Amino acid sequence: MHQFAERRTSGGIQSAYWVCAFVTIGFFLIPAFVIRPFHYQSPRALSLAMALKQLAPFWTLITGVVSVLLALSLWKRATPWWKGLLGTSLFLVIVSAVMARLNYFEWMFHPVQQYGFTAASQTKLDAGEMVLALSFNGDARAYPVREMAYHHILNDVVGGVPVEVTY
């Protein structure tokens, strides 16, 4: 009877561990995979991803700590194969909890560091291609939306006025 109770308790701890681990990893991976440049993002998926991104720092701390504590209690009775699986999943939990606190979107949507301009007569843009246009003090610039969609930000000086172009 004692072994049955111990096995049942161990199974409950394992289940709790996997739920906490998947929740922690999900709080990082769902926003990271939904919010990406050049990929369709449905309004519903984007709303979910933004909500998870906002809640992630708090909840990954809670579920991450619980995951570590549960893993420590499971470690004693674990076989070598199970320890490998536990260690790998725990590594992913810790990485996810750390990444949830970083603004990894800055890595995807980084500003253009070095940019160059071409005269309008020499440009290779299609006639129907959209651009963001600025004109200050007799100086004009056009920024292709196709390029801005990837970088999202560009610092420039137009007509002596420093500007930050974003899309």
Protein backbone atom coordinates (compact mmCIF):
# COMPACT_ATOMS: atom_id res chain seq x y z
CA MET A 1 0.00 0.00 0.00
CA HIS A 2 2.89 2.36 0.79
CA GLN A 3 4.40 1.95 -2.72
CA PHE A 4 1.04 2.70 -4.35
CA ALA A 5 0.66 5.92 -2.34
CA GLU A 6 4.25 6.92 -3.14
CA ARG A 7 3.78 6.20 -6.86
CA ARG A 8 0.52 8.16 -6.87
CA THR A 9 2.18 11.14 -5.12
CA SER A 10 5.13 10.98 -7.53
CA GLY A 11 2.72 10.95 -10.48
CA GLY A 12 0.96 14.03 -9.11
CA ILE A 13 4.27 15.82 -8.68
CA GLN A 14 5.30 14.87 -12.22
CA SER A 15 2.01 16.16 -13.61
CA ALA A 16 2.34 19.41 -11.68
CA TYR A 17 5.94 19.77 -12.91
CA TRP A 18 4.98 19.31 -16.56
CA VAL A 19 2.07 21.74 -16.30
CA CYS A 20 4.32 24.41 -14.71
CA ALA A 21 7.11 23.74 -17.21
CA PHE A 22 4.81 24.01 -20.25
CA VAL A 23 3.16 27.16 -18.89
CA THR A 24 6.55 28.81 -18.33
CA ILE A 25 7.84 27.86 -21.78
CA GLY A 26 4.53 28.86 -23.39
CA PHE A 27 4.63 32.35 -21.88
CA PHE A 28 7.85 32.91 -23.84
CA LEU A 29 7.32 30.87 -27.01
CA ILE A 30 3.78 31.92 -27.93
CA PRO A 31 4.56 35.67 -28.18
CA ALA A 32 7.94 34.94 -29.80
CA PHE A 33 6.35 32.88 -32.59
CA VAL A 34 3.25 34.97 -33.13
CA ILE A 35 4.87 38.42 -33.22
CA ARG A 36 7.34 38.12 -36.10
CA PRO A 37 8.14 40.33 -39.07
CA PHE A 38 6.73 39.27 -42.46
CA HIS A 39 4.30 36.73 -41.01
CA TYR A 40 0.53 37.02 -40.88
CA GLN A 41 -0.75 37.70 -37.38
CA SER A 42 -4.47 37.31 -36.88
CA PRO A 43 -6.02 39.86 -34.52
CA ARG A 44 -6.96 37.10 -32.08
CA ALA A 45 -3.47 35.54 -32.05
CA LEU A 46 -1.80 38.95 -31.75
CA SER A 47 -4.09 39.89 -28.87
CA LEU A 48 -3.25 36.64 -27.06
CA ALA A 49 0.48 37.07 -27.71
CA MET A 50 0.49 40.64 -26.41
CA ALA A 51 -1.45 39.65 -23.28
CA LEU A 52 0.96 36.77 -22.59
CA LYS A 53 3.98 39.02 -23.19
CA GLN A 54 2.61 41.48 -20.63
CA LEU A 55 1.88 38.81 -18.00
CA ALA A 56 5.01 36.75 -18.66
CA PRO A 57 7.48 38.38 -16.23
CA PHE A 58 5.27 37.69 -13.21
CA TRP A 59 3.90 34.28 -14.16
CA THR A 60 7.17 32.82 -15.45
CA LEU A 61 8.76 33.73 -12.12
CA ILE A 62 6.02 31.87 -10.22
CA THR A 63 5.80 28.83 -12.52
CA GLY A 64 9.58 28.74 -12.98
CA VAL A 65 10.26 28.63 -9.23
CA VAL A 66 7.56 25.99 -8.75
CA SER A 67 9.09 23.97 -11.62
CA VAL A 68 12.53 24.08 -10.01
CA LEU A 69 11.15 23.00 -6.62
CA LEU A 70 9.14 20.16 -8.15
CA ALA A 71 12.13 19.05 -10.23
CA LEU A 72 14.29 18.91 -7.10
CA SER A 73 11.74 16.70 -5.37
CA LEU A 74 11.56 14.41 -8.41
CA TRP A 75 15.33 14.25 -8.89
CA LYS A 76 15.98 11.88 -5.96
CA ARG A 77 13.86 9.06 -7.36
CA ALA A 78 14.63 9.67 -11.04
CA THR A 79 16.35 7.21 -13.36
CA PRO A 80 19.27 8.50 -15.47
CA TRP A 81 17.02 8.81 -18.54
CA TRP A 82 14.40 10.72 -16.53
CA LYS A 83 17.11 12.98 -15.06
CA GLY A 84 18.23 13.85 -18.59
CA LEU A 85 14.67 14.74 -19.60
CA LEU A 86 14.13 16.66 -16.38
CA GLY A 87 17.40 18.57 -16.77
CA THR A 88 16.68 19.47 -20.41
CA SER A 89 13.16 20.64 -19.67
CA LEU A 90 14.36 22.58 -16.64
CA PHE A 91 16.97 24.31 -18.81
CA LEU A 92 14.18 25.36 -21.22
CA VAL A 93 12.10 26.59 -18.27
CA ILE A 94 14.96 28.77 -17.00
CA VAL A 95 15.77 30.13 -20.47
CA SER A 96 12.08 30.93 -21.03
CA ALA A 97 11.80 32.70 -17.66
CA VAL A 98 14.86 34.82 -18.47
CA MET A 99 13.75 35.57 -22.05
CA ALA A 100 10.31 36.67 -20.78
CA ARG A 101 12.09 39.56 -19.04
CA LEU A 102 14.02 40.72 -22.11
CA ASN A 103 12.76 42.80 -25.00
CA TYR A 104 13.73 40.31 -27.69
CA PHE A 105 11.60 42.23 -30.18
CA GLU A 106 14.42 44.77 -30.35
CA TRP A 107 16.56 42.01 -31.84
CA MET A 108 13.97 41.37 -34.56
CA PHE A 109 13.00 44.98 -35.24
CA HIS A 110 16.34 46.75 -35.08
CA PRO A 111 16.98 50.22 -36.46
CA VAL A 112 18.74 50.69 -39.78
CA GLN A 113 22.34 51.55 -38.88
CA GLN A 114 23.67 52.57 -42.29
CA TYR A 115 21.28 53.73 -44.93
CA GLY A 116 21.70 55.22 -48.34
CA PHE A 117 19.44 57.18 -50.60
CA THR A 118 18.95 57.08 -54.34
CA ALA A 119 17.62 59.83 -56.57
CA ALA A 120 13.94 59.30 -57.42
CA SER A 121 14.83 58.98 -61.12
CA GLN A 122 17.24 56.09 -60.37
CA THR A 123 15.13 54.14 -57.93
CA LYS A 124 14.15 50.54 -58.62
CA LEU A 125 10.80 50.71 -56.83
CA ASP A 126 7.69 49.37 -58.52
CA ALA A 127 5.18 52.03 -59.55
CA GLY A 128 2.62 50.76 -57.00
CA GLU A 129 5.04 50.37 -54.09
CA MET A 130 4.11 52.33 -50.98
CA VAL A 131 6.55 54.74 -49.36
CA LEU A 132 6.62 56.93 -46.27
CA ALA A 133 7.44 60.47 -47.40
CA LEU A 134 8.83 63.45 -45.51
CA SER A 135 9.62 66.97 -46.65
CA PHE A 136 11.22 69.66 -44.46
CA ASN A 137 12.90 72.90 -45.50
CA GLY A 138 13.06 71.91 -49.17
CA ASP A 139 14.59 68.47 -48.47
CA ALA A 140 12.48 65.39 -49.20
CA ARG A 141 12.87 61.69 -48.45
CA ALA A 142 10.84 58.60 -49.30
CA TYR A 143 11.23 55.41 -47.26
CA PRO A 144 9.94 52.18 -48.85
CA VAL A 145 7.36 50.52 -46.62
CA ARG A 146 8.80 47.14 -47.68
CA GLU A 147 12.09 48.05 -45.98
CA MET A 148 10.51 49.83 -43.03
CA ALA A 149 8.30 46.81 -42.29
CA TYR A 150 11.41 44.81 -41.46
CA HIS A 151 13.42 47.40 -39.54
CA HIS A 152 10.50 49.48 -38.20
CA ILE A 153 12.75 52.41 -37.30
CA LEU A 154 15.23 54.69 -39.01
CA ASN A 155 16.96 57.80 -37.69
CA ASP A 156 17.60 60.48 -40.30
CA VAL A 157 18.05 64.22 -40.78
CA VAL A 158 15.66 65.80 -43.27
CA GLY A 159 16.15 69.48 -44.08
CA GLY A 160 18.33 69.89 -40.98
CA VAL A 161 15.64 68.41 -38.72
CA PRO A 162 16.49 65.14 -36.91
CA VAL A 163 13.65 62.67 -37.43
CA GLU A 164 12.86 59.15 -36.37
CA VAL A 165 10.90 57.38 -39.07
CA THR A 166 8.90 54.40 -37.91
CA TYR A 167 6.33 52.01 -39.32
